[in-house]
Amino acid sequence: MTAGRMRLTQIFPGRDYVDQIKVILSKVGSPSEEDKAFITNKKARDHVKSLGNFKKQPWGSLLPDATAGSLDILDQILQFDPAKRLSAADCLAHPWLEEHHDPSDEIE
């Protein structure tokens, strides 16, 4: 890869919305029982459980050209439980986005 050129890579190439869940879990790992608790629909929770157990894949092996900072924010954004994900404000404050972050330009 040359400077200034970015290689775009799909990390969740699902065939349909059902397959998409399996593809995502195959990368982020199977959620814990605690993480699945936010799924209020029993049928959906049972479906996630039926997909089996997946081990979390290291982001660095999936995206070898990515920086450590970008992998860190990606990991924090792609948490299964929405309560554990970074908020938009937290993302803006993340060190990886530091050069683009101007708190005086933000609306609360």
C-alpha atoms as a PDB file:
ATOM      1  CA  MET A   1       0.000   0.000   0.000  1.00  0.00           C
ATOM      2  CA  THR A   2       1.381   3.384  -0.938  1.00  0.00           C
ATOM      3  CA  ALA A   3       1.177   6.528   1.149  1.00  0.00           C
ATOM      4  CA  GLY A   4      -2.131   8.300   0.752  1.00  0.00           C
ATOM      5  CA  ARG A   5      -3.957   5.211  -0.516  1.00  0.00           C
ATOM      6  CA  MET A   6      -6.237   3.264   1.734  1.00  0.00           C
ATOM      7  CA  ARG A   7      -7.214  -0.341   1.168  1.00  0.00           C
ATOM      8  CA  LEU A   8     -10.895  -0.846   1.874  1.00  0.00           C
ATOM      9  CA  THR A   9     -11.766  -4.188   3.384  1.00  0.00           C
ATOM     10  CA  GLN A  10     -15.149  -5.598   4.305  1.00  0.00           C
ATOM     11  CA  ILE A  11     -14.894  -7.178   7.705  1.00  0.00           C
ATOM     12  CA  PHE A  12     -18.541  -8.251   7.952  1.00  0.00           C
ATOM     13  CA  PRO A  13     -19.522  -9.495   4.448  1.00  0.00           C
ATOM     14  CA  GLY A  14     -22.858 -11.150   5.291  1.00  0.00           C
ATOM     15  CA  ARG A  15     -25.128 -12.586   2.583  1.00  0.00           C
ATOM     16  CA  ASP A  16     -28.328 -11.463   4.349  1.00  0.00           C
ATOM     17  CA  TYR A  17     -29.394 -10.137   7.741  1.00  0.00           C
ATOM     18  CA  VAL A  18     -29.422 -13.631   9.320  1.00  0.00           C
ATOM     19  CA  ASP A  19     -25.956 -14.489   7.991  1.00  0.00           C
ATOM     20  CA  GLN A  20     -24.777 -10.996   8.983  1.00  0.00           C
ATOM     21  CA  ILE A  21     -25.222 -11.816  12.682  1.00  0.00           C
ATOM     22  CA  LYS A  22     -23.126 -14.970  12.353  1.00  0.00           C
ATOM     23  CA  VAL A  23     -20.404 -13.131  10.422  1.00  0.00           C
ATOM     24  CA  ILE A  24     -20.264 -10.376  13.043  1.00  0.00           C
ATOM     25  CA  LEU A  25     -20.066 -12.866  15.914  1.00  0.00           C
ATOM     26  CA  SER A  26     -17.327 -14.795  14.105  1.00  0.00           C
ATOM     27  CA  LYS A  27     -15.190 -11.632  14.356  1.00  0.00           C
ATOM     28  CA  VAL A  28     -16.242  -9.966  17.626  1.00  0.00           C
ATOM     29  CA  GLY A  29     -16.797 -13.252  19.470  1.00  0.00           C
ATOM     30  CA  SER A  30     -19.901 -14.693  21.059  1.00  0.00           C
ATOM     31  CA  PRO A  31     -21.524 -12.427  23.607  1.00  0.00           C
ATOM     32  CA  SER A  32     -21.558 -13.361  27.261  1.00  0.00           C
ATOM     33  CA  GLU A  33     -24.868 -14.036  28.985  1.00  0.00           C
ATOM     34  CA  GLU A  34     -24.543 -10.589  30.546  1.00  0.00           C
ATOM     35  CA  ASP A  35     -24.037  -8.990  27.115  1.00  0.00           C
ATOM     36  CA  LYS A  36     -27.057 -10.808  25.671  1.00  0.00           C
ATOM     37  CA  ALA A  37     -29.297  -9.498  28.465  1.00  0.00           C
ATOM     38  CA  PHE A  38     -30.176  -6.351  26.497  1.00  0.00           C
ATOM     39  CA  ILE A  39     -31.915  -8.503  23.838  1.00  0.00           C
ATOM     40  CA  THR A  40     -35.508  -8.440  25.077  1.00  0.00           C
ATOM     41  CA  ASN A  41     -36.908 -10.731  22.375  1.00  0.00           C
ATOM     42  CA  LYS A  42     -36.480 -14.337  23.546  1.00  0.00           C
ATOM     43  CA  LYS A  43     -36.545 -15.703  19.985  1.00  0.00           C
ATOM     44  CA  ALA A  44     -33.727 -13.343  18.971  1.00  0.00           C
ATOM     45  CA  ARG A  45     -31.713 -14.199  22.100  1.00  0.00           C
ATOM     46  CA  ASP A  46     -32.184 -17.925  21.420  1.00  0.00           C
ATOM     47  CA  HIS A  47     -31.097 -17.428  17.809  1.00  0.00           C
ATOM     48  CA  VAL A  48     -27.867 -15.731  18.868  1.00  0.00           C
ATOM     49  CA  LYS A  49     -27.238 -18.585  21.301  1.00  0.00           C
ATOM     50  CA  SER A  50     -27.945 -21.191  18.586  1.00  0.00           C
ATOM     51  CA  LEU A  51     -25.170 -19.824  16.385  1.00  0.00           C
ATOM     52  CA  GLY A  52     -22.558 -21.439  18.612  1.00  0.00           C
ATOM     53  CA  ASN A  53     -19.535 -20.077  20.400  1.00  0.00           C
ATOM     54  CA  PHE A  54     -17.081 -17.905  18.543  1.00  0.00           C
ATOM     55  CA  LYS A  55     -13.737 -16.689  19.804  1.00  0.00           C
ATOM     56  CA  LYS A  56     -12.989 -13.008  19.295  1.00  0.00           C
ATOM     57  CA  GLN A  57     -10.589 -12.454  16.399  1.00  0.00           C
ATOM     58  CA  PRO A  58      -7.698 -10.030  16.917  1.00  0.00           C
ATOM     59  CA  TRP A  59      -8.449  -6.871  14.922  1.00  0.00           C
ATOM     60  CA  GLY A  60      -4.783  -6.642  13.940  1.00  0.00           C
ATOM     61  CA  SER A  61      -5.004  -9.949  12.078  1.00  0.00           C
ATOM     62  CA  LEU A  62      -8.196  -8.869  10.288  1.00  0.00           C
ATOM     63  CA  LEU A  63      -6.891  -5.384   9.456  1.00  0.00           C
ATOM     64  CA  PRO A  64      -3.097  -5.691   9.343  1.00  0.00           C
ATOM     65  CA  ASP A  65      -2.548  -2.196   7.885  1.00  0.00           C
ATOM     66  CA  ALA A  66      -4.552  -0.437  10.612  1.00  0.00           C
ATOM     67  CA  THR A  67      -2.903   1.631  13.331  1.00  0.00           C
ATOM     68  CA  ALA A  68      -3.050   0.632  16.986  1.00  0.00           C
ATOM     69  CA  GLY A  69      -5.256   3.649  17.750  1.00  0.00           C
ATOM     70  CA  SER A  70      -7.736   2.810  15.017  1.00  0.00           C
ATOM     71  CA  LEU A  71      -7.933  -0.791  16.225  1.00  0.00           C
ATOM     72  CA  ASP A  72      -8.514   0.411  19.782  1.00  0.00           C
ATOM     73  CA  ILE A  73     -11.441   2.667  18.846  1.00  0.00           C
ATOM     74  CA  LEU A  74     -12.856  -0.045  16.577  1.00  0.00           C
ATOM     75  CA  ASP A  75     -12.784  -2.522  19.454  1.00  0.00           C
ATOM     76  CA  GLN A  76     -14.567  -0.078  21.740  1.00  0.00           C
ATOM     77  CA  ILE A  77     -17.213   0.781  19.123  1.00  0.00           C
ATOM     78  CA  LEU A  78     -17.960  -2.837  18.200  1.00  0.00           C
ATOM     79  CA  GLN A  79     -19.074  -4.046  21.613  1.00  0.00           C
ATOM     80  CA  PHE A  80     -22.089  -6.375  21.456  1.00  0.00           C
ATOM     81  CA  ASP A  81     -23.900  -4.694  24.343  1.00  0.00           C
ATOM     82  CA  PRO A  82     -24.814  -1.121  23.324  1.00  0.00           C
ATOM     83  CA  ALA A  83     -24.317   0.059  26.913  1.00  0.00           C
ATOM     84  CA  LYS A  84     -20.628  -0.893  26.642  1.00  0.00           C
ATOM     85  CA  ARG A  85     -20.012   0.847  23.290  1.00  0.00           C
ATOM     86  CA  LEU A  86     -18.389   4.231  23.018  1.00  0.00           C
ATOM     87  CA  SER A  87     -20.862   7.069  22.577  1.00  0.00           C
ATOM     88  CA  ALA A  88     -20.370   9.565  19.764  1.00  0.00           C
ATOM     89  CA  ALA A  89     -18.924  12.022  22.293  1.00  0.00           C
ATOM     90  CA  ASP A  90     -16.555   9.342  23.631  1.00  0.00           C
ATOM     91  CA  CYS A  91     -15.436   8.571  20.076  1.00  0.00           C
ATOM     92  CA  LEU A  92     -14.650  12.234  19.454  1.00  0.00           C
ATOM     93  CA  ALA A  93     -12.576  12.293  22.651  1.00  0.00           C
ATOM     94  CA  HIS A  94     -10.655   9.124  21.727  1.00  0.00           C
ATOM     95  CA  PRO A  95      -6.921   9.748  21.132  1.00  0.00           C
ATOM     96  CA  TRP A  96      -7.166   8.358  17.587  1.00  0.00           C
ATOM     97  CA  LEU A  97      -9.432  11.283  16.621  1.00  0.00           C
ATOM     98  CA  GLU A  98      -7.558  13.851  18.697  1.00  0.00           C
ATOM     99  CA  GLU A  99      -6.336  15.902  15.732  1.00  0.00           C
ATOM    100  CA  HIS A 100      -9.925  16.266  14.470  1.00  0.00           C
ATOM    101  CA  HIS A 101     -11.536  16.946  17.858  1.00  0.00           C
ATOM    102  CA  ASP A 102     -12.459  20.500  18.791  1.00  0.00           C
ATOM    103  CA  PRO A 103     -14.685  20.576  21.893  1.00  0.00           C
ATOM    104  CA  SER A 104     -15.579  24.225  21.216  1.00  0.00           C
ATOM    105  CA  ASP A 105     -17.169  23.131  17.919  1.00  0.00           C
ATOM    106  CA  GLU A 106     -19.529  20.634  19.523  1.00  0.00           C
ATOM    107  CA  ILE A 107     -23.200  21.012  20.342  1.00  0.00           C
ATOM    108  CA  GLU A 108     -24.593  19.243  23.375  1.00  0.00           C
END
